């Protein structure tokens, strides 16, 4: 091991993670299948009687195939942002995400205090 290499365990950074439930974050390029994957994962978890809390952070998605517990589209209207700021699709998505970040503390509260029926 190189002396300049530092290894950290998640428990060192976030001790509360020991008692936390698993978290899956799905990231990818446009059209790579993120929404399809999450919809399939939700169906699978439902089939084995497991519950999941889902968050949709894609303001431009038309149909998710699952019902998000938290959905950016409820707070930020992508098409309105596009018209108001005279932006193209990519600019409107980025601006919508930036606008949603102003509500980040509310999102974090919702994530930290999920409904008690989630396993």
PDB file of N, CA and C in Angstrom:
ATOM      1  N   UNK A   1       0.854  -1.181   0.000  1.00  0.00           N
ATOM      2  CA  UNK A   1       0.000   0.000   0.000  1.00  0.00           C
ATOM      3  C   UNK A   1       0.893   1.235   0.000  1.00  0.00           C
ATOM      4  N   UNK A   2       0.607   2.148  -0.886  1.00  0.00           N
ATOM      5  CA  UNK A   2       1.309   3.419  -0.991  1.00  0.00           C
ATOM      6  C   UNK A   2       1.012   4.253   0.256  1.00  0.00           C
ATOM      7  N   UNK A   3       2.034   4.894   0.819  1.00  0.00           N
ATOM      8  CA  UNK A   3       1.838   5.660   2.062  1.00  0.00           C
ATOM      9  C   UNK A   3       0.942   6.877   1.878  1.00  0.00           C
ATOM     10  N   UNK A   4       0.755   7.322   0.637  1.00  0.00           N
ATOM     11  CA  UNK A   4      -0.114   8.479   0.410  1.00  0.00           C
ATOM     12  C   UNK A   4      -1.577   8.073   0.205  1.00  0.00           C
ATOM     13  N   UNK A   5      -1.841   6.781   0.140  1.00  0.00           N
ATOM     14  CA  UNK A   5      -3.209   6.302  -0.066  1.00  0.00           C
ATOM     15  C   UNK A   5      -3.943   6.245   1.262  1.00  0.00           C
ATOM     16  N   UNK A   6      -5.129   6.796   1.281  1.00  0.00           N
ATOM     17  CA  UNK A   6      -5.952   6.790   2.485  1.00  0.00           C
ATOM     18  C   UNK A   6      -7.198   5.968   2.196  1.00  0.00           C
ATOM     19  N   UNK A   7      -7.481   5.009   3.046  1.00  0.00           N
ATOM     20  CA  UNK A   7      -8.678   4.194   2.899  1.00  0.00           C
ATOM     21  C   UNK A   7      -9.645   4.539   4.018  1.00  0.00           C
ATOM     22  N   UNK A   8     -10.854   4.827   3.657  1.00  0.00           N
ATOM     23  CA  UNK A   8     -11.884   5.123   4.643  1.00  0.00           C
ATOM     24  C   UNK A   8     -13.007   4.118   4.506  1.00  0.00           C
ATOM     25  N   UNK A   9     -13.525   3.698   5.630  1.00  0.00           N
ATOM     26  CA  UNK A   9     -14.713   2.851   5.622  1.00  0.00           C
ATOM     27  C   UNK A   9     -15.915   3.753   5.822  1.00  0.00           C
ATOM     28  N   UNK A  10     -17.033   3.353   5.246  1.00  0.00           N
ATOM     29  CA  UNK A  10     -18.249   4.154   5.369  1.00  0.00           C
ATOM     30  C   UNK A  10     -18.599   4.370   6.840  1.00  0.00           C
ATOM     31  N   UNK A  11     -18.325   3.387   7.695  1.00  0.00           N
ATOM     32  CA  UNK A  11     -18.637   3.522   9.123  1.00  0.00           C
ATOM     33  C   UNK A  11     -17.808   4.621   9.787  1.00  0.00           C
ATOM     34  N   UNK A  12     -16.605   4.890   9.249  1.00  0.00           N
ATOM     35  CA  UNK A  12     -15.773   5.964   9.796  1.00  0.00           C
ATOM     36  C   UNK A  12     -16.355   7.335   9.467  1.00  0.00           C
ATOM     37  N   UNK A  13     -16.941   7.451   8.278  1.00  0.00           N
ATOM     38  CA  UNK A  13     -17.490   8.726   7.825  1.00  0.00           C
ATOM     39  C   UNK A  13     -18.898   8.942   8.361  1.00  0.00           C
ATOM     40  N   UNK A  14     -19.699   7.891   8.291  1.00  0.00           N
ATOM     41  CA  UNK A  14     -21.106   7.974   8.704  1.00  0.00           C
ATOM     42  C   UNK A  14     -21.420   6.825   9.662  1.00  0.00           C
ATOM     43  N   UNK A  15     -21.130   6.981  10.953  1.00  0.00           N
ATOM     44  CA  UNK A  15     -21.357   5.890  11.902  1.00  0.00           C
ATOM     45  C   UNK A  15     -22.803   5.399  11.914  1.00  0.00           C
ATOM     46  N   UNK A  16     -23.748   6.284  11.610  1.00  0.00           N
ATOM     47  CA  UNK A  16     -25.155   5.883  11.625  1.00  0.00           C
ATOM     48  C   UNK A  16     -25.489   4.921  10.486  1.00  0.00           C
ATOM     49  N   UNK A  17     -24.578   4.768   9.512  1.00  0.00           N
ATOM     50  CA  UNK A  17     -24.856   3.899   8.367  1.00  0.00           C
ATOM     51  C   UNK A  17     -24.965   2.437   8.767  1.00  0.00           C
ATOM     52  N   UNK A  18     -24.405   2.075   9.903  1.00  0.00           N
ATOM     53  CA  UNK A  18     -24.469   0.697  10.373  1.00  0.00           C
ATOM     54  C   UNK A  18     -25.914   0.233  10.537  1.00  0.00           C
ATOM     55  N   UNK A  19     -26.779   1.129  10.952  1.00  0.00           N
ATOM     56  CA  UNK A  19     -28.176   0.762  11.173  1.00  0.00           C
ATOM     57  C   UNK A  19     -29.073   1.192  10.012  1.00  0.00           C
ATOM     58  N   UNK A  20     -28.481   1.750   8.973  1.00  0.00           N
ATOM     59  CA  UNK A  20     -29.265   2.240   7.842  1.00  0.00           C
ATOM     60  C   UNK A  20     -29.701   1.114   6.925  1.00  0.00           C
ATOM     61  N   UNK A  21     -30.731   1.395   6.188  1.00  0.00           N
ATOM     62  CA  UNK A  21     -31.208   0.461   5.185  1.00  0.00           C
ATOM     63  C   UNK A  21     -30.404   0.690   3.903  1.00  0.00           C
ATOM     64  N   UNK A  22     -30.381  -0.304   3.010  1.00  0.00           N
ATOM     65  CA  UNK A  22     -29.620  -0.143   1.762  1.00  0.00           C
ATOM     66  C   UNK A  22     -30.149   1.018   0.921  1.00  0.00           C
ATOM     67  N   UNK A  23     -29.251   1.663   0.227  1.00  0.00           N
ATOM     68  CA  UNK A  23     -29.601   2.761  -0.677  1.00  0.00           C
ATOM     69  C   UNK A  23     -29.002   2.442  -2.041  1.00  0.00           C
ATOM     70  N   UNK A  24     -29.820   2.552  -3.073  1.00  0.00           N
ATOM     71  CA  UNK A  24     -29.347   2.356  -4.440  1.00  0.00           C
ATOM     72  C   UNK A  24     -29.560   3.667  -5.181  1.00  0.00           C
ATOM     73  N   UNK A  25     -28.501   4.209  -5.728  1.00  0.00           N
ATOM     74  CA  UNK A  25     -28.589   5.435  -6.517  1.00  0.00           C
ATOM     75  C   UNK A  25     -28.327   5.046  -7.965  1.00  0.00           C
ATOM     76  N   UNK A  26     -29.267   5.368  -8.842  1.00  0.00           N
ATOM     77  CA  UNK A  26     -29.153   4.993 -10.247  1.00  0.00           C
ATOM     78  C   UNK A  26     -28.823   6.240 -11.066  1.00  0.00           C
ATOM     79  N   UNK A  27     -27.651   6.229 -11.665  1.00  0.00           N
ATOM     80  CA  UNK A  27     -27.183   7.346 -12.494  1.00  0.00           C
ATOM     81  C   UNK A  27     -26.844   6.824 -13.882  1.00  0.00           C
ATOM     82  N   UNK A  28     -26.970   7.662 -14.873  1.00  0.00           N
ATOM     83  CA  UNK A  28     -26.581   7.252 -16.219  1.00  0.00           C
ATOM     84  C   UNK A  28     -26.937   8.305 -17.237  1.00  0.00           C
ATOM     85  N   UNK A  29     -26.449   8.104 -18.426  1.00  0.00           N
ATOM     86  CA  UNK A  29     -26.708   9.016 -19.536  1.00  0.00           C
ATOM     87  C   UNK A  29     -28.179   8.935 -19.937  1.00  0.00           C
ATOM     88  N   UNK A  30     -28.644   9.967 -20.616  1.00  0.00           N
ATOM     89  CA  UNK A  30     -30.014   9.982 -21.126  1.00  0.00           C
ATOM     90  C   UNK A  30     -30.235   8.768 -22.027  1.00  0.00           C
ATOM     91  N   UNK A  31     -31.350   8.088 -21.811  1.00  0.00           N
ATOM     92  CA  UNK A  31     -31.694   6.940 -22.647  1.00  0.00           C
ATOM     93  C   UNK A  31     -30.990   5.651 -22.286  1.00  0.00           C
ATOM     94  N   UNK A  32     -30.256   5.631 -21.174  1.00  0.00           N
ATOM     95  CA  UNK A  32     -29.492   4.431 -20.817  1.00  0.00           C
ATOM     96  C   UNK A  32     -30.317   3.382 -20.084  1.00  0.00           C
ATOM     97  N   UNK A  33     -31.558   3.707 -19.714  1.00  0.00           N
ATOM     98  CA  UNK A  33     -32.421   2.715 -19.083  1.00  0.00           C
ATOM     99  C   UNK A  33     -32.587   2.860 -17.582  1.00  0.00           C
ATOM    100  N   UNK A  34     -32.266   4.006 -17.032  1.00  0.00           N
ATOM    101  CA  UNK A  34     -32.389   4.216 -15.583  1.00  0.00           C
ATOM    102  C   UNK A  34     -33.822   4.017 -15.105  1.00  0.00           C
ATOM    103  N   UNK A  35     -34.768   4.667 -15.774  1.00  0.00           N
ATOM    104  CA  UNK A  35     -36.173   4.591 -15.366  1.00  0.00           C
ATOM    105  C   UNK A  35     -36.695   3.172 -15.528  1.00  0.00           C
ATOM    106  N   UNK A  36     -36.339   2.518 -16.625  1.00  0.00           N
ATOM    107  CA  UNK A  36     -36.757   1.133 -16.859  1.00  0.00           C
ATOM    108  C   UNK A  36     -36.186   0.216 -15.781  1.00  0.00           C
ATOM    109  N   UNK A  37     -34.926   0.425 -15.420  1.00  0.00           N
ATOM    110  CA  UNK A  37     -34.294  -0.379 -14.371  1.00  0.00           C
ATOM    111  C   UNK A  37     -35.013  -0.201 -13.036  1.00  0.00           C
ATOM    112  N   UNK A  38     -35.274   1.048 -12.660  1.00  0.00           N
ATOM    113  CA  UNK A  38     -35.937   1.313 -11.378  1.00  0.00           C
ATOM    114  C   UNK A  38     -37.346   0.724 -11.375  1.00  0.00           C
ATOM    115  N   UNK A  39     -38.067   0.851 -12.481  1.00  0.00           N
ATOM    116  CA  UNK A  39     -39.413   0.272 -12.568  1.00  0.00           C
ATOM    117  C   UNK A  39     -39.344  -1.241 -12.385  1.00  0.00           C
ATOM    118  N   UNK A  40     -38.382  -1.886 -13.032  1.00  0.00           N
ATOM    119  CA  UNK A  40     -38.209  -3.334 -12.889  1.00  0.00           C
ATOM    120  C   UNK A  40     -37.813  -3.726 -11.480  1.00  0.00           C
ATOM    121  N   UNK A  41     -36.932  -2.956 -10.875  1.00  0.00           N
ATOM    122  CA  UNK A  41     -36.512  -3.226  -9.500  1.00  0.00           C
ATOM    123  C   UNK A  41     -37.693  -3.101  -8.546  1.00  0.00           C
ATOM    124  N   UNK A  42     -38.519  -2.082  -8.746  1.00  0.00           N
ATOM    125  CA  UNK A  42     -39.704  -1.900  -7.899  1.00  0.00           C
ATOM    126  C   UNK A  42     -40.660  -3.085  -8.030  1.00  0.00           C
ATOM    127  N   UNK A  43     -40.867  -3.550  -9.265  1.00  0.00           N
ATOM    128  CA  UNK A  43     -41.744  -4.714  -9.483  1.00  0.00           C
ATOM    129  C   UNK A  43     -41.174  -5.946  -8.793  1.00  0.00           C
ATOM    130  N   UNK A  44     -39.859  -6.141  -8.909  1.00  0.00           N
ATOM    131  CA  UNK A  44     -39.221  -7.284  -8.260  1.00  0.00           C
ATOM    132  C   UNK A  44     -39.376  -7.205  -6.743  1.00  0.00           C
ATOM    133  N   UNK A  45     -39.069  -6.064  -6.163  1.00  0.00           N
ATOM    134  CA  UNK A  45     -39.174  -5.909  -4.712  1.00  0.00           C
ATOM    135  C   UNK A  45     -40.605  -6.134  -4.242  1.00  0.00           C
ATOM    136  N   UNK A  46     -41.560  -5.650  -5.014  1.00  0.00           N
ATOM    137  CA  UNK A  46     -42.965  -5.873  -4.670  1.00  0.00           C
ATOM    138  C   UNK A  46     -43.295  -7.361  -4.717  1.00  0.00           C
ATOM    139  N   UNK A  47     -42.734  -8.082  -5.683  1.00  0.00           N
ATOM    140  CA  UNK A  47     -43.015  -9.520  -5.819  1.00  0.00           C
ATOM    141  C   UNK A  47     -42.473 -10.334  -4.647  1.00  0.00           C
ATOM    142  N   UNK A  48     -41.463  -9.816  -3.959  1.00  0.00           N
ATOM    143  CA  UNK A  48     -40.923 -10.527  -2.787  1.00  0.00           C
ATOM    144  C   UNK A  48     -41.327  -9.831  -1.486  1.00  0.00           C
ATOM    145  N   UNK A  49     -42.396  -9.049  -1.572  1.00  0.00           N
ATOM    146  CA  UNK A  49     -42.972  -8.337  -0.427  1.00  0.00           C
ATOM    147  C   UNK A  49     -41.980  -7.420   0.295  1.00  0.00           C
ATOM    148  N   UNK A  50     -41.132  -6.765  -0.455  1.00  0.00           N
ATOM    149  CA  UNK A  50     -40.228  -5.754   0.102  1.00  0.00           C
ATOM    150  C   UNK A  50     -40.697  -4.394  -0.385  1.00  0.00           C
ATOM    151  N   UNK A  51     -40.567  -3.408   0.459  1.00  0.00           N
ATOM    152  CA  UNK A  51     -40.983  -2.058   0.093  1.00  0.00           C
ATOM    153  C   UNK A  51     -39.754  -1.194  -0.134  1.00  0.00           C
ATOM    154  N   UNK A  52     -39.897  -0.256  -1.047  1.00  0.00           N
ATOM    155  CA  UNK A  52     -38.796   0.653  -1.354  1.00  0.00           C
ATOM    156  C   UNK A  52     -39.329   2.069  -1.462  1.00  0.00           C
ATOM    157  N   UNK A  53     -38.507   3.002  -1.070  1.00  0.00           N
ATOM    158  CA  UNK A  53     -38.849   4.422  -1.247  1.00  0.00           C
ATOM    159  C   UNK A  53     -38.112   4.878  -2.504  1.00  0.00           C
ATOM    160  N   UNK A  54     -38.852   5.442  -3.450  1.00  0.00           N
ATOM    161  CA  UNK A  54     -38.235   5.868  -4.701  1.00  0.00           C
ATOM    162  C   UNK A  54     -38.318   7.385  -4.847  1.00  0.00           C
ATOM    163  N   UNK A  55     -37.286   7.926  -5.462  1.00  0.00           N
ATOM    164  CA  UNK A  55     -37.211   9.367  -5.698  1.00  0.00           C
ATOM    165  C   UNK A  55     -36.924   9.578  -7.182  1.00  0.00           C
ATOM    166  N   UNK A  56     -37.764  10.343  -7.852  1.00  0.00           N
ATOM    167  CA  UNK A  56     -37.518  10.690  -9.248  1.00  0.00           C
ATOM    168  C   UNK A  56     -36.929  12.094  -9.306  1.00  0.00           C
ATOM    169  N   UNK A  57     -35.717  12.194  -9.837  1.00  0.00           N
ATOM    170  CA  UNK A  57     -35.068  13.495  -9.991  1.00  0.00           C
ATOM    171  C   UNK A  57     -34.938  13.883 -11.466  1.00  0.00           C
ATOM    172  N   UNK A  58     -35.735  13.261 -12.327  1.00  0.00           N
ATOM    173  CA  UNK A  58     -35.737  13.611 -13.750  1.00  0.00           C
ATOM    174  C   UNK A  58     -36.960  14.466 -14.041  1.00  0.00           C
ATOM    175  N   UNK A  59     -36.769  15.775 -14.179  1.00  0.00           N
ATOM    176  CA  UNK A  59     -37.924  16.653 -14.379  1.00  0.00           C
ATOM    177  C   UNK A  59     -38.583  16.486 -15.741  1.00  0.00           C
ATOM    178  N   UNK A  60     -37.896  15.840 -16.690  1.00  0.00           N
ATOM    179  CA  UNK A  60     -38.417  15.731 -18.050  1.00  0.00           C
ATOM    180  C   UNK A  60     -39.028  14.367 -18.361  1.00  0.00           C
ATOM    181  N   UNK A  61     -38.942  13.421 -17.435  1.00  0.00           N
ATOM    182  CA  UNK A  61     -39.497  12.094 -17.719  1.00  0.00           C
ATOM    183  C   UNK A  61     -41.017  12.201 -17.814  1.00  0.00           C
ATOM    184  N   UNK A  62     -41.587  11.516 -18.801  1.00  0.00           N
ATOM    185  CA  UNK A  62     -43.036  11.569 -19.000  1.00  0.00           C
ATOM    186  C   UNK A  62     -43.720  10.475 -18.193  1.00  0.00           C
ATOM    187  N   UNK A  63     -43.181   9.262 -18.249  1.00  0.00           N
ATOM    188  CA  UNK A  63     -43.776   8.123 -17.542  1.00  0.00           C
ATOM    189  C   UNK A  63     -42.657   7.343 -16.860  1.00  0.00           C
ATOM    190  N   UNK A  64     -42.831   7.040 -15.572  1.00  0.00           N
ATOM    191  CA  UNK A  64     -41.781   6.325 -14.847  1.00  0.00           C
ATOM    192  C   UNK A  64     -41.984   4.815 -14.820  1.00  0.00           C
ATOM    193  N   UNK A  65     -43.207   4.341 -14.895  1.00  0.00           N
ATOM    194  CA  UNK A  65     -43.443   2.905 -14.763  1.00  0.00           C
ATOM    195  C   UNK A  65     -43.522   2.477 -13.305  1.00  0.00           C
ATOM    196  N   UNK A  66     -43.378   3.412 -12.409  1.00  0.00           N
ATOM    197  CA  UNK A  66     -43.524   3.191 -10.973  1.00  0.00           C
ATOM    198  C   UNK A  66     -44.036   4.502 -10.389  1.00  0.00           C
ATOM    199  N   UNK A  67     -44.505   4.459  -9.164  1.00  0.00           N
ATOM    200  CA  UNK A  67     -44.995   5.680  -8.523  1.00  0.00           C
ATOM    201  C   UNK A  67     -43.942   6.175  -7.537  1.00  0.00           C
ATOM    202  N   UNK A  68     -43.235   7.250  -7.876  1.00  0.00           N
ATOM    203  CA  UNK A  68     -42.200   7.746  -6.969  1.00  0.00           C
ATOM    204  C   UNK A  68     -42.803   8.282  -5.666  1.00  0.00           C
ATOM    205  N   UNK A  69     -42.120   8.030  -4.568  1.00  0.00           N
ATOM    206  CA  UNK A  69     -42.543   8.592  -3.280  1.00  0.00           C
ATOM    207  C   UNK A  69     -42.250  10.090  -3.239  1.00  0.00           C
ATOM    208  N   UNK A  70     -41.166  10.470  -3.864  1.00  0.00           N
ATOM    209  CA  UNK A  70     -40.780  11.875  -3.976  1.00  0.00           C
ATOM    210  C   UNK A  70     -40.501  12.115  -5.459  1.00  0.00           C
ATOM    211  N   UNK A  71     -41.074  13.174  -5.999  1.00  0.00           N
ATOM    212  CA  UNK A  71     -40.967  13.404  -7.440  1.00  0.00           C
ATOM    213  C   UNK A  71     -40.695  14.879  -7.724  1.00  0.00           C
ATOM    214  N   UNK A  72     -39.575  15.166  -8.360  1.00  0.00           N
ATOM    215  CA  UNK A  72     -39.209  16.542  -8.701  1.00  0.00           C
ATOM    216  C   UNK A  72     -40.301  17.219  -9.517  1.00  0.00           C
ATOM    217  N   UNK A  73     -41.041  16.434 -10.300  1.00  0.00           N
ATOM    218  CA  UNK A  73     -42.069  17.012 -11.176  1.00  0.00           C
ATOM    219  C   UNK A  73     -43.214  17.648 -10.399  1.00  0.00           C
ATOM    220  N   UNK A  74     -43.341  17.308  -9.121  1.00  0.00           N
ATOM    221  CA  UNK A  74     -44.376  17.935  -8.293  1.00  0.00           C
ATOM    222  C   UNK A  74     -43.973  19.354  -7.884  1.00  0.00           C
ATOM    223  N   UNK A  75     -42.679  19.637  -7.897  1.00  0.00           N
ATOM    224  CA  UNK A  75     -42.177  20.943  -7.453  1.00  0.00           C
ATOM    225  C   UNK A  75     -41.736  21.845  -8.592  1.00  0.00           C
ATOM    226  N   UNK A  76     -41.168  21.248  -9.618  1.00  0.00           N
ATOM    227  CA  UNK A  76     -40.610  22.023 -10.721  1.00  0.00           C
ATOM    228  C   UNK A  76     -41.213  21.520 -12.028  1.00  0.00           C
ATOM    229  N   UNK A  77     -41.818  22.420 -12.765  1.00  0.00           N
ATOM    230  CA  UNK A  77     -42.425  22.078 -14.058  1.00  0.00           C
ATOM    231  C   UNK A  77     -41.418  22.377 -15.168  1.00  0.00           C
ATOM    232  N   UNK A  78     -40.845  21.330 -15.696  1.00  0.00           N
ATOM    233  CA  UNK A  78     -39.788  21.409 -16.704  1.00  0.00           C
ATOM    234  C   UNK A  78     -40.181  22.263 -17.912  1.00  0.00           C
ATOM    235  N   UNK A  79     -41.360  22.041 -18.454  1.00  0.00           N
ATOM    236  CA  UNK A  79     -41.813  22.793 -19.639  1.00  0.00           C
ATOM    237  C   UNK A  79     -41.969  24.286 -19.321  1.00  0.00           C
ATOM    238  N   UNK A  80     -42.452  24.586 -18.115  1.00  0.00           N
ATOM    239  CA  UNK A  80     -42.588  25.991 -17.709  1.00  0.00           C
ATOM    240  C   UNK A  80     -41.216  26.662 -17.609  1.00  0.00           C
ATOM    241  N   UNK A  81     -40.246  25.940 -17.062  1.00  0.00           N
ATOM    242  CA  UNK A  81     -38.876  26.461 -16.948  1.00  0.00           C
ATOM    243  C   UNK A  81     -38.325  26.733 -18.347  1.00  0.00           C
ATOM    244  N   UNK A  82     -38.582  25.807 -19.262  1.00  0.00           N
ATOM    245  CA  UNK A  82     -38.106  25.946 -20.634  1.00  0.00           C
ATOM    246  C   UNK A  82     -38.676  27.207 -21.287  1.00  0.00           C
ATOM    247  N   UNK A  83     -39.988  27.406 -21.120  1.00  0.00           N
ATOM    248  CA  UNK A  83     -40.639  28.582 -21.720  1.00  0.00           C
ATOM    249  C   UNK A  83     -40.204  29.877 -21.034  1.00  0.00           C
ATOM    250  N   UNK A  84     -40.248  29.896 -19.712  1.00  0.00           N
ATOM    251  CA  UNK A  84     -39.971  31.115 -18.955  1.00  0.00           C
ATOM    252  C   UNK A  84     -38.550  31.636 -19.199  1.00  0.00           C
ATOM    253  N   UNK A  85     -37.583  30.711 -19.162  1.00  0.00           N
ATOM    254  CA  UNK A  85     -36.185  31.121 -19.316  1.00  0.00           C
ATOM    255  C   UNK A  85     -35.689  31.017 -20.761  1.00  0.00           C
ATOM    256  N   UNK A  86     -36.588  30.622 -21.666  1.00  0.00           N
ATOM    257  CA  UNK A  86     -36.243  30.478 -23.091  1.00  0.00           C
ATOM    258  C   UNK A  86     -35.036  29.548 -23.265  1.00  0.00           C
ATOM    259  N   UNK A  87     -35.163  28.361 -22.695  1.00  0.00           N
ATOM    260  CA  UNK A  87     -34.086  27.375 -22.719  1.00  0.00           C
ATOM    261  C   UNK A  87     -34.454  26.191 -23.604  1.00  0.00           C
ATOM    262  N   UNK A  88     -33.445  25.490 -24.053  1.00  0.00           N
ATOM    263  CA  UNK A  88     -33.653  24.223 -24.734  1.00  0.00           C
ATOM    264  C   UNK A  88     -33.858  23.138 -23.687  1.00  0.00           C
ATOM    265  N   UNK A  89     -34.074  21.900 -24.139  1.00  0.00           N
ATOM    266  CA  UNK A  89     -34.342  20.803 -23.199  1.00  0.00           C
ATOM    267  C   UNK A  89     -33.245  20.596 -22.149  1.00  0.00           C
ATOM    268  N   UNK A  90     -31.988  20.563 -22.576  1.00  0.00           N
ATOM    269  CA  UNK A  90     -30.901  20.321 -21.618  1.00  0.00           C
ATOM    270  C   UNK A  90     -30.762  21.458 -20.615  1.00  0.00           C
ATOM    271  N   UNK A  91     -30.861  22.687 -21.089  1.00  0.00           N
ATOM    272  CA  UNK A  91     -30.785  23.839 -20.191  1.00  0.00           C
ATOM    273  C   UNK A  91     -31.927  23.854 -19.196  1.00  0.00           C
ATOM    274  N   UNK A  92     -33.111  23.464 -19.652  1.00  0.00           N
ATOM    275  CA  UNK A  92     -34.278  23.426 -18.767  1.00  0.00           C
ATOM    276  C   UNK A  92     -34.132  22.338 -17.708  1.00  0.00           C
ATOM    277  N   UNK A  93     -33.557  21.202 -18.089  1.00  0.00           N
ATOM    278  CA  UNK A  93     -33.332  20.126 -17.115  1.00  0.00           C
ATOM    279  C   UNK A  93     -32.350  20.601 -16.046  1.00  0.00           C
ATOM    280  N   UNK A  94     -31.238  21.194 -16.469  1.00  0.00           N
ATOM    281  CA  UNK A  94     -30.233  21.673 -15.509  1.00  0.00           C
ATOM    282  C   UNK A  94     -30.806  22.764 -14.608  1.00  0.00           C
ATOM    283  N   UNK A  95     -31.555  23.686 -15.186  1.00  0.00           N
ATOM    284  CA  UNK A  95     -32.154  24.765 -14.394  1.00  0.00           C
ATOM    285  C   UNK A  95     -33.187  24.206 -13.425  1.00  0.00           C
ATOM    286  N   UNK A  96     -33.976  23.234 -13.866  1.00  0.00           N
ATOM    287  CA  UNK A  96     -34.967  22.597 -12.990  1.00  0.00           C
ATOM    288  C   UNK A  96     -34.286  21.927 -11.806  1.00  0.00           C
ATOM    289  N   UNK A  97     -33.186  21.228 -12.071  1.00  0.00           N
ATOM    290  CA  UNK A  97     -32.443  20.580 -10.984  1.00  0.00           C
ATOM    291  C   UNK A  97     -31.863  21.613 -10.027  1.00  0.00           C
ATOM    292  N   UNK A  98     -31.335  22.701 -10.567  1.00  0.00           N
ATOM    293  CA  UNK A  98     -30.810  23.775  -9.710  1.00  0.00           C
ATOM    294  C   UNK A  98     -31.914  24.373  -8.847  1.00  0.00           C
ATOM    295  N   UNK A  99     -33.078  24.574  -9.433  1.00  0.00           N
ATOM    296  CA  UNK A  99     -34.204  25.119  -8.669  1.00  0.00           C
ATOM    297  C   UNK A  99     -34.617  24.145  -7.566  1.00  0.00           C
ATOM    298  N   UNK A 100     -34.613  22.855  -7.883  1.00  0.00           N
ATOM    299  CA  UNK A 100     -35.000  21.847  -6.895  1.00  0.00           C
ATOM    300  C   UNK A 100     -33.996  21.806  -5.744  1.00  0.00           C
ATOM    301  N   UNK A 101     -32.741  22.089  -6.044  1.00  0.00           N
ATOM    302  CA  UNK A 101     -31.706  22.095  -4.998  1.00  0.00           C
ATOM    303  C   UNK A 101     -31.977  23.141  -3.928  1.00  0.00           C
ATOM    304  N   UNK A 102     -32.761  24.159  -4.250  1.00  0.00           N
ATOM    305  CA  UNK A 102     -33.104  25.152  -3.232  1.00  0.00           C
ATOM    306  C   UNK A 102     -34.002  24.540  -2.164  1.00  0.00           C
ATOM    307  N   UNK A 103     -34.573  23.371  -2.451  1.00  0.00           N
ATOM    308  CA  UNK A 103     -35.433  22.658  -1.505  1.00  0.00           C
ATOM    309  C   UNK A 103     -34.722  21.429  -0.940  1.00  0.00           C
ATOM    310  N   UNK A 104     -33.401  21.404  -1.053  1.00  0.00           N
ATOM    311  CA  UNK A 104     -32.627  20.229  -0.674  1.00  0.00           C
ATOM    312  C   UNK A 104     -32.837  19.809   0.775  1.00  0.00           C
ATOM    313  N   UNK A 105     -32.932  20.753   1.690  1.00  0.00           N
ATOM    314  CA  UNK A 105     -33.108  20.382   3.099  1.00  0.00           C
ATOM    315  C   UNK A 105     -34.432  19.649   3.298  1.00  0.00           C
ATOM    316  N   UNK A 106     -35.454  20.046   2.574  1.00  0.00           N
ATOM    317  CA  UNK A 106     -36.743  19.358   2.652  1.00  0.00           C
ATOM    318  C   UNK A 106     -36.626  17.934   2.103  1.00  0.00           C
ATOM    319  N   UNK A 107     -35.901  17.773   1.001  1.00  0.00           N
ATOM    320  CA  UNK A 107     -35.695  16.446   0.421  1.00  0.00           C
ATOM    321  C   UNK A 107     -34.927  15.556   1.389  1.00  0.00           C
ATOM    322  N   UNK A 108     -33.885  16.092   1.998  1.00  0.00           N
ATOM    323  CA  UNK A 108     -33.092  15.317   2.956  1.00  0.00           C
ATOM    324  C   UNK A 108     -33.948  14.895   4.141  1.00  0.00           C
ATOM    325  N   UNK A 109     -34.805  15.774   4.636  1.00  0.00           N
ATOM    326  CA  UNK A 109     -35.711  15.418   5.733  1.00  0.00           C
ATOM    327  C   UNK A 109     -36.624  14.264   5.338  1.00  0.00           C
ATOM    328  N   UNK A 110     -37.152  14.310   4.127  1.00  0.00           N
ATOM    329  CA  UNK A 110     -38.033  13.234   3.656  1.00  0.00           C
ATOM    330  C   UNK A 110     -37.282  11.915   3.547  1.00  0.00           C
ATOM    331  N   UNK A 111     -36.021  11.985   3.138  1.00  0.00           N
ATOM    332  CA  UNK A 111     -35.210  10.769   3.012  1.00  0.00           C
ATOM    333  C   UNK A 111     -34.847  10.223   4.385  1.00  0.00           C
ATOM    334  N   UNK A 112     -34.461  11.095   5.308  1.00  0.00           N
ATOM    335  CA  UNK A 112     -34.050  10.655   6.643  1.00  0.00           C
ATOM    336  C   UNK A 112     -35.209  10.146   7.483  1.00  0.00           C
ATOM    337  N   UNK A 113     -36.406  10.618   7.208  1.00  0.00           N
ATOM    338  CA  UNK A 113     -37.568  10.226   7.994  1.00  0.00           C
ATOM    339  C   UNK A 113     -38.601   9.532   7.118  1.00  0.00           C
ATOM    340  N   UNK A 114     -38.232   8.357   6.572  1.00  0.00           N
ATOM    341  CA  UNK A 114     -39.166   7.663   5.688  1.00  0.00           C
ATOM    342  C   UNK A 114     -40.342   7.093   6.467  1.00  0.00           C
ATOM    343  N   UNK A 115     -41.374   6.741   5.737  1.00  0.00           N
ATOM    344  CA  UNK A 115     -42.535   6.099   6.365  1.00  0.00           C
ATOM    345  C   UNK A 115     -42.062   4.830   7.060  1.00  0.00           C
ATOM    346  N   UNK A 116     -42.636   4.528   8.186  1.00  0.00           N
ATOM    347  CA  UNK A 116     -42.177   3.399   9.007  1.00  0.00           C
ATOM    348  C   UNK A 116     -42.410   2.044   8.356  1.00  0.00           C
ATOM    349  N   UNK A 117     -43.232   1.973   7.302  1.00  0.00           N
ATOM    350  CA  UNK A 117     -43.523   0.669   6.708  1.00  0.00           C
ATOM    351  C   UNK A 117     -42.495   0.249   5.661  1.00  0.00           C
ATOM    352  N   UNK A 118     -41.447   1.040   5.430  1.00  0.00           N
ATOM    353  CA  UNK A 118     -40.426   0.658   4.461  1.00  0.00           C
ATOM    354  C   UNK A 118     -39.414  -0.254   5.129  1.00  0.00           C
ATOM    355  N   UNK A 119     -39.095  -1.349   4.438  1.00  0.00           N
ATOM    356  CA  UNK A 119     -38.149  -2.329   4.990  1.00  0.00           C
ATOM    357  C   UNK A 119     -36.770  -2.128   4.433  1.00  0.00           C
TER     358      UNK A 119
END
